[in-house]
Amino acid sequence: MQKIKKRSKLVLLGVLLFSLLAMQGFMPQVSASITSASDTLGSSGTSATGVTHTIQFTTGTVLTQTQYFQVVIPKEFLTVATSSVTCPDSASTTPHIYGGGAVDWDVRCVVNSSQTIATGTKTFVIADTQNPSSQGDYTITIALKNASDAVLEDRDMKVYILDTVSVSATVNATLSFSISTTTPGETVNGDTITGTSSPTSIPFGTLTQADGPYIMGHQLAVSTNADNGFSVTVEQDHNLQTGAGAIIDAFSTGATSTWSDPTGDYQDPTTWGHWAVTSDDTDYFAADSYEGLSGTTPLPIFGHTGPVNGATVGVGTTTVAYKLAITDLQEAGDYSNTLTYICTPTY
């Protein structure tokens, strides 16, 4: 008798449930939720411009014609334009933008005619936006909707806008320039040093045609943290000359040239003796090439295009040589002039 009563209650419950479904006209659906949703901002700084939203999410719903992906962005984000939107499955969807101004941005990617969008991980990109001017958290919503705007799947995401952090540091400009001696036996650009110099003098001594050419010079070293490196020039106050006005002329002024000894034409004083400069920085001088100092015009002899630490030939160091030769026609007298090196860093 007891078993019959329980069965009657079950039958009655089934009848009631069927009646409720009949009145509603459909079976209730369970709404799915988008998973793994995130919005990565190109910048989170307040009022930052040119900001890209890269929204990634995973959906379990298949979309068909006229259904759409939707992203709702708070109105505080500015300058959302259709041209800046890259839709998920962009070949099969078309972007549309609504809202802005006093209402939130409504960005939609609608499935094109006869297209179907499969489930899986999707990427929705909205570029060239401007962040809100006030810091705080903002809600971004991603949704999948049908043609009647009913939600098939959705998910809220948060982004946080905050004031940017200013970082500053200072590196002091540095420059070190040194001049040291050369000694006999050292080689410079293919020639051998014949005498000993000092950082402040080049004492060629007593000259004869038979003992020449004479070669002396300096070792130069530069250390600097200048962005664009440095250049070193040398200039003279005048040609080598005596108190009476006799001159040892400059060799090949205005261009580098392979060295040649003076010819000693008695009718041409410029051939009685000459001198010139070279260095082992190949950016300025080819092998065994020299150039004479012209008047008081600075002549580039050494340089580099970036920071250097006073090492490596032709980069942070170079050897400069001065070559001098005379003939028996060169006038007697004590010859002198003054050289000036100028090191110029470019920051």
Protein backbone atom coordinates (compact mmCIF):
# COMPACT_ATOMS: atom_id res chain seq x y z
CA MET A 1 0.00 0.00 0.00
CA GLN A 2 2.88 2.38 0.83
CA LYS A 3 4.63 1.77 -2.53
CA ILE A 4 1.50 2.74 -4.45
CA LYS A 5 1.37 6.15 -2.69
CA LYS A 6 4.99 7.02 -3.58
CA ARG A 7 4.44 6.15 -7.22
CA SER A 8 1.39 8.40 -7.30
CA LYS A 9 3.44 11.33 -6.02
CA LEU A 10 6.09 10.81 -8.71
CA VAL A 11 3.47 10.74 -11.43
CA LEU A 12 1.93 13.93 -10.07
CA LEU A 13 5.35 15.73 -10.02
CA GLY A 14 6.01 14.72 -13.63
CA VAL A 15 2.63 16.05 -14.72
CA LEU A 16 3.28 19.38 -13.00
CA LEU A 17 6.75 19.76 -14.60
CA PHE A 18 5.38 18.99 -18.07
CA SER A 19 2.60 21.55 -17.51
CA LEU A 20 5.13 24.27 -16.62
CA LEU A 21 7.20 23.58 -19.74
CA ALA A 22 4.09 23.61 -21.90
CA MET A 23 3.10 27.01 -20.56
CA GLN A 24 6.55 28.45 -21.24
CA GLY A 25 6.73 26.99 -24.73
CA PHE A 26 10.44 25.99 -24.56
CA MET A 27 13.02 24.17 -22.53
CA PRO A 28 15.19 26.61 -20.48
CA GLN A 29 18.80 27.04 -21.74
CA VAL A 30 21.90 27.18 -19.60
CA SER A 31 24.03 30.24 -20.58
CA ALA A 32 27.70 29.50 -21.15
CA SER A 33 30.49 31.85 -20.13
CA ILE A 34 33.54 33.00 -22.06
CA THR A 35 36.72 31.71 -20.43
CA SER A 36 40.31 32.99 -20.20
CA ALA A 37 39.32 36.54 -21.07
CA SER A 38 41.92 39.30 -20.79
CA ASP A 39 42.48 42.82 -22.11
CA THR A 40 46.15 43.76 -22.44
CA LEU A 41 46.74 47.50 -22.83
CA GLY A 42 49.61 48.94 -24.80
CA SER A 43 49.90 51.53 -22.02
CA SER A 44 48.10 51.94 -18.71
CA GLY A 45 49.08 55.59 -18.20
CA THR A 46 46.41 58.21 -17.70
CA SER A 47 45.52 60.07 -20.92
CA ALA A 48 48.01 57.95 -22.90
CA THR A 49 47.30 58.12 -26.64
CA GLY A 50 47.73 55.54 -29.39
CA VAL A 51 46.86 52.75 -26.93
CA THR A 52 45.99 49.27 -28.23
CA HIS A 53 43.56 46.90 -26.48
CA THR A 54 44.46 43.28 -27.23
CA ILE A 55 41.53 41.20 -26.00
CA GLN A 56 41.97 37.43 -25.91
CA PHE A 57 39.27 34.99 -24.90
CA THR A 58 38.04 31.43 -25.40
CA THR A 59 34.49 30.65 -26.50
CA GLY A 60 32.50 27.44 -26.72
CA THR A 61 29.75 28.85 -28.97
CA VAL A 62 29.62 28.61 -32.76
CA LEU A 63 28.55 31.88 -34.38
CA THR A 64 26.63 32.01 -37.64
CA GLN A 65 25.48 34.72 -40.05
CA THR A 66 24.36 38.03 -38.36
CA GLN A 67 25.52 36.89 -34.92
CA TYR A 68 28.43 38.88 -33.54
CA PHE A 69 31.29 39.42 -31.13
CA GLN A 70 30.85 42.53 -28.99
CA VAL A 71 33.25 44.56 -26.84
CA VAL A 72 31.87 47.30 -24.62
CA ILE A 73 34.46 49.90 -23.58
CA PRO A 74 33.70 52.70 -21.10
CA LYS A 75 33.07 56.08 -22.69
CA GLU A 76 36.09 57.49 -20.82
CA PHE A 77 38.30 55.76 -23.41
CA LEU A 78 38.45 58.08 -26.43
CA THR A 79 38.88 57.97 -30.19
CA VAL A 80 37.63 54.46 -30.94
CA ALA A 81 37.42 54.17 -34.73
CA THR A 82 36.27 51.41 -37.08
CA SER A 83 39.57 51.56 -38.95
CA SER A 84 41.42 50.64 -35.76
CA VAL A 85 39.46 47.43 -35.13
CA THR A 86 40.79 43.98 -36.01
CA CYS A 87 38.00 41.44 -35.60
CA PRO A 88 38.33 37.83 -34.52
CA ASP A 89 38.31 35.75 -37.72
CA SER A 90 38.53 39.06 -39.56
CA ALA A 91 38.04 37.50 -43.01
CA SER A 92 34.56 36.38 -41.96
CA THR A 93 33.41 39.33 -39.85
CA THR A 94 32.83 43.07 -40.33
CA PRO A 95 33.48 45.72 -37.64
CA HIS A 96 30.87 48.26 -36.55
CA ILE A 97 31.11 50.93 -33.84
CA TYR A 98 28.27 52.48 -31.87
CA GLY A 99 28.20 54.81 -28.88
CA GLY A 100 30.88 57.20 -27.78
CA GLY A 101 30.36 60.62 -26.32
CA ALA A 102 27.92 60.31 -23.43
CA VAL A 103 27.51 56.53 -23.74
CA ASP A 104 29.93 53.63 -23.69
CA TRP A 105 31.60 52.42 -26.87
CA ASP A 106 29.89 49.39 -28.44
CA VAL A 107 32.28 47.64 -30.84
CA ARG A 108 30.84 44.75 -32.84
CA CYS A 109 32.25 42.23 -35.28
CA VAL A 110 29.29 40.79 -37.19
CA VAL A 111 29.52 37.42 -38.94
CA ASN A 112 29.23 37.90 -42.69
CA SER A 113 26.73 36.21 -44.96
CA SER A 114 27.08 32.41 -45.23
CA GLN A 115 29.97 32.38 -42.73
CA THR A 116 30.40 30.31 -39.58
CA ILE A 117 32.82 31.10 -36.75
CA ALA A 118 34.11 28.06 -34.88
CA THR A 119 34.72 27.81 -31.16
CA GLY A 120 38.16 28.30 -29.64
CA THR A 121 40.57 31.04 -28.61
CA LYS A 122 40.01 34.40 -30.30
CA THR A 123 41.76 37.75 -30.44
CA PHE A 124 39.93 41.08 -30.71
CA VAL A 125 42.18 44.15 -31.25
CA ILE A 126 41.15 47.78 -30.88
CA ALA A 127 44.04 50.12 -31.64
CA ASP A 128 44.72 53.84 -31.35
CA THR A 129 42.52 54.62 -28.34
CA GLN A 130 43.14 57.18 -25.63
CA ASN A 131 43.12 56.22 -21.96
CA PRO A 132 40.89 57.98 -19.41
CA SER A 133 42.33 61.02 -17.68
CA SER A 134 41.45 59.67 -14.23
CA GLN A 135 43.20 56.69 -12.70
CA GLY A 136 41.18 53.74 -11.43
CA ASP A 137 39.72 50.44 -12.60
CA TYR A 138 37.46 50.21 -15.64
CA THR A 139 35.24 47.33 -16.79
CA ILE A 140 35.55 45.97 -20.32
CA THR A 141 32.89 43.46 -21.44
CA ILE A 142 33.30 40.84 -24.14
CA ALA A 143 30.14 39.07 -25.35
CA LEU A 144 28.80 36.81 -28.10
CA LYS A 145 25.27 37.70 -29.20
CA ASN A 146 22.70 36.52 -31.71
CA ALA A 147 20.88 38.63 -34.27
CA SER A 148 18.26 39.54 -31.65
CA ASP A 149 21.00 40.86 -29.33
CA ALA A 150 20.49 38.03 -26.86
CA VAL A 151 23.65 37.08 -24.97
CA LEU A 152 25.08 33.69 -25.89
CA GLU A 153 28.27 34.08 -23.85
CA ASP A 154 29.84 36.97 -21.98
CA ARG A 155 32.54 37.93 -19.53
CA ASP A 156 33.61 41.09 -17.70
CA MET A 157 37.26 42.10 -17.57
CA LYS A 158 39.06 44.80 -15.61
CA VAL A 159 41.81 47.16 -16.63
CA TYR A 160 43.49 49.65 -14.32
CA ILE A 161 44.56 53.09 -15.44
CA LEU A 162 47.15 54.84 -13.31
CA ASP A 163 49.52 57.75 -13.45
CA THR A 164 52.78 56.93 -15.20
CA VAL A 165 56.03 56.68 -13.27
CA SER A 166 58.74 59.10 -14.35
CA VAL A 167 62.26 57.67 -14.20
CA SER A 168 65.28 59.95 -14.53
CA ALA A 169 69.02 59.52 -14.38
CA THR A 170 72.07 61.52 -15.36
CA VAL A 171 75.39 60.37 -16.77
CA ASN A 172 77.99 63.11 -16.71
CA ALA A 173 79.82 63.85 -19.94
CA THR A 174 83.41 62.60 -19.92
CA LEU A 175 86.46 63.39 -22.03
CA SER A 176 90.11 62.47 -21.63
CA PHE A 177 92.75 63.41 -24.21
CA SER A 178 96.42 62.56 -23.79
CA ILE A 179 99.62 63.08 -25.80
CA SER A 180 102.65 60.84 -25.28
CA THR A 181 105.98 60.33 -26.98
CA THR A 182 107.23 58.26 -29.88
CA THR A 183 110.64 56.59 -30.00
CA PRO A 184 112.93 55.36 -32.78
CA GLY A 185 111.91 52.02 -34.26
CA GLU A 186 108.16 52.47 -33.86
CA THR A 187 106.18 52.36 -37.09
CA VAL A 188 103.42 54.71 -38.20
CA ASN A 189 101.40 54.03 -41.31
CA GLY A 190 104.28 52.14 -42.94
CA ASP A 191 107.13 54.48 -41.90
CA THR A 192 109.63 54.08 -39.07
CA ILE A 193 110.13 56.72 -36.39
CA THR A 194 113.70 58.14 -36.45
CA GLY A 195 113.79 60.33 -33.32
CA THR A 196 112.37 60.77 -29.81
CA SER A 197 109.66 63.34 -29.18
CA SER A 198 108.08 64.64 -25.99
CA PRO A 199 104.43 65.53 -25.35
CA THR A 200 105.30 69.21 -25.88
CA SER A 201 108.05 69.14 -28.51
CA ILE A 202 109.20 67.58 -31.78
CA PRO A 203 112.96 68.25 -31.89
CA PHE A 204 114.08 67.35 -35.40
CA GLY A 205 117.58 68.66 -34.63
CA THR A 206 120.10 69.60 -37.32
CA LEU A 207 118.87 68.65 -40.79
CA THR A 208 120.84 67.38 -43.79
CA GLN A 209 119.72 65.97 -47.07
CA ALA A 210 121.79 62.85 -46.55
CA ASP A 211 120.24 61.97 -43.19
CA GLY A 212 116.61 62.57 -44.15
CA PRO A 213 113.77 62.03 -44.24
CA TYR A 214 113.24 62.64 -40.51
CA ILE A 215 110.12 61.15 -38.85
CA MET A 216 108.89 62.02 -35.36
CA GLY A 217 105.48 62.20 -33.79
CA HIS A 218 103.06 61.64 -30.91
CA GLN A 219 100.80 58.92 -29.57
CA LEU A 220 97.26 60.23 -28.98
CA ALA A 221 94.57 58.61 -26.82
CA VAL A 222 90.95 59.65 -26.31
CA SER A 223 88.32 58.41 -23.85
CA THR A 224 84.81 59.85 -24.03
CA ASN A 225 81.18 58.82 -23.60
CA ALA A 226 79.98 61.22 -26.30
CA ASP A 227 77.12 59.68 -28.30
CA ASN A 228 78.59 60.63 -31.65
CA GLY A 229 82.23 60.17 -30.76
CA PHE A 230 84.94 62.73 -31.36
CA SER A 231 87.39 64.20 -33.84
CA VAL A 232 90.98 65.36 -33.37
CA THR A 233 92.55 67.99 -35.58
CA VAL A 234 96.00 69.58 -35.68
CA GLU A 235 96.81 73.08 -36.84
CA GLN A 236 99.92 75.29 -37.01
CA ASP A 237 100.48 78.95 -36.36
CA HIS A 238 102.57 79.17 -39.58
CA ASN A 239 104.90 77.06 -41.72
CA LEU A 240 108.29 76.11 -40.36
CA GLN A 241 110.31 79.29 -40.81
CA THR A 242 113.33 81.25 -39.62
CA GLY A 243 113.50 84.69 -38.12
CA ALA A 244 114.74 85.90 -41.50
CA GLY A 245 111.63 84.49 -43.25
CA ALA A 246 113.04 81.34 -44.88
CA ILE A 247 110.38 78.58 -45.09
CA ILE A 248 110.22 74.80 -45.20
CA ASP A 249 107.05 74.38 -47.21
CA ALA A 250 104.12 72.06 -46.54
CA PHE A 251 103.85 68.93 -48.68
CA SER A 252 100.62 68.22 -50.61
CA THR A 253 98.24 70.64 -48.89
CA GLY A 254 94.50 70.09 -49.31
CA ALA A 255 94.67 66.35 -50.00
CA THR A 256 96.57 63.26 -48.90
CA SER A 257 99.25 62.00 -51.24
CA THR A 258 101.95 59.34 -51.31
CA TRP A 259 105.13 60.83 -49.89
CA SER A 260 107.90 61.95 -52.24
CA ASP A 261 111.15 63.67 -51.30
CA PRO A 262 111.79 67.28 -52.38
CA THR A 263 113.45 67.54 -55.81
CA GLY A 264 115.75 70.52 -55.17
CA ASP A 265 115.07 72.63 -58.28
CA TYR A 266 117.19 75.75 -57.64
CA GLN A 267 114.65 77.88 -59.51
CA ASP A 268 111.74 76.77 -57.28
CA PRO A 269 112.15 77.36 -53.52
CA THR A 270 109.10 75.16 -52.78
CA THR A 271 111.14 72.13 -53.89
CA TRP A 272 114.06 72.74 -51.50
CA GLY A 273 112.38 71.06 -48.53
CA HIS A 274 108.97 70.08 -47.23
CA TRP A 275 107.17 68.36 -44.37
CA ALA A 276 103.76 66.76 -43.73
CA VAL A 277 101.68 64.75 -41.26
CA THR A 278 100.13 61.25 -41.25
CA SER A 279 98.44 58.95 -38.72
CA ASP A 280 97.57 55.28 -38.47
CA ASP A 281 93.84 56.07 -38.39
CA THR A 282 92.85 54.61 -41.77
CA ASP A 283 89.69 56.74 -41.86
CA TYR A 284 91.99 59.68 -42.64
CA PHE A 285 95.17 58.32 -44.20
CA ALA A 286 95.94 55.48 -46.58
CA ALA A 287 99.22 53.57 -46.30
CA ASP A 288 102.28 55.84 -46.70
CA SER A 289 100.10 58.87 -47.44
CA TYR A 290 100.72 62.34 -46.04
CA GLU A 291 99.14 65.77 -46.08
CA GLY A 292 100.71 69.13 -45.41
CA LEU A 293 99.35 71.65 -42.94
CA SER A 294 97.81 74.55 -44.82
CA GLY A 295 98.11 77.94 -43.15
CA THR A 296 96.22 77.80 -39.87
CA THR A 297 93.41 75.51 -41.14
CA PRO A 298 92.76 72.54 -38.77
CA LEU A 299 93.54 69.17 -40.38
CA PRO A 300 91.52 66.11 -39.19
CA ILE A 301 93.91 63.29 -38.22
CA PHE A 302 91.95 61.03 -35.84
CA GLY A 303 88.37 60.29 -34.82
CA HIS A 304 85.57 57.85 -34.14
CA THR A 305 81.74 57.85 -34.36
CA GLY A 306 80.85 56.61 -30.87
CA PRO A 307 82.04 56.32 -27.25
CA VAL A 308 85.62 55.06 -26.81
CA ASN A 309 87.80 54.03 -23.89
CA GLY A 310 91.26 55.07 -25.09
CA ALA A 311 92.06 51.70 -26.62
CA THR A 312 92.25 50.10 -30.10
CA VAL A 313 94.30 51.72 -32.85
CA GLY A 314 92.24 54.03 -35.05
CA VAL A 315 89.35 53.95 -32.54
CA GLY A 316 90.59 55.20 -29.19
CA THR A 317 94.29 55.64 -29.99
CA THR A 318 96.45 56.65 -32.91
CA THR A 319 100.05 57.56 -33.61
CA VAL A 320 100.66 60.77 -35.53
CA ALA A 321 103.91 61.19 -37.45
CA TYR A 322 105.51 64.29 -38.96
CA LYS A 323 107.88 63.64 -41.87
CA LEU A 324 110.45 66.22 -42.95
CA ALA A 325 113.08 66.18 -45.70
CA ILE A 326 115.31 68.88 -47.22
CA THR A 327 117.75 69.28 -50.07
CA ASP A 328 121.11 71.05 -49.94
CA LEU A 329 119.36 74.16 -51.28
CA GLN A 330 117.23 74.70 -48.13
CA GLU A 331 118.25 78.02 -46.56
CA ALA A 332 120.30 77.96 -43.37
CA GLY A 333 118.67 79.05 -40.12
CA ASP A 334 116.70 77.97 -37.06
CA TYR A 335 113.20 76.88 -38.13
CA SER A 336 110.22 76.67 -35.79
CA ASN A 337 106.47 76.84 -35.50
CA THR A 338 103.76 75.83 -33.01
CA LEU A 339 101.28 72.96 -33.40
CA THR A 340 97.93 72.75 -31.61
CA TYR A 341 95.85 69.59 -31.21
CA ILE A 342 92.10 70.09 -30.77
CA CYS A 343 89.89 67.22 -29.55
CA THR A 344 86.17 67.83 -30.07
CA PRO A 345 83.57 65.35 -28.69
CA THR A 346 80.06 65.40 -30.12
CA TYR A 347 77.30 64.60 -27.57
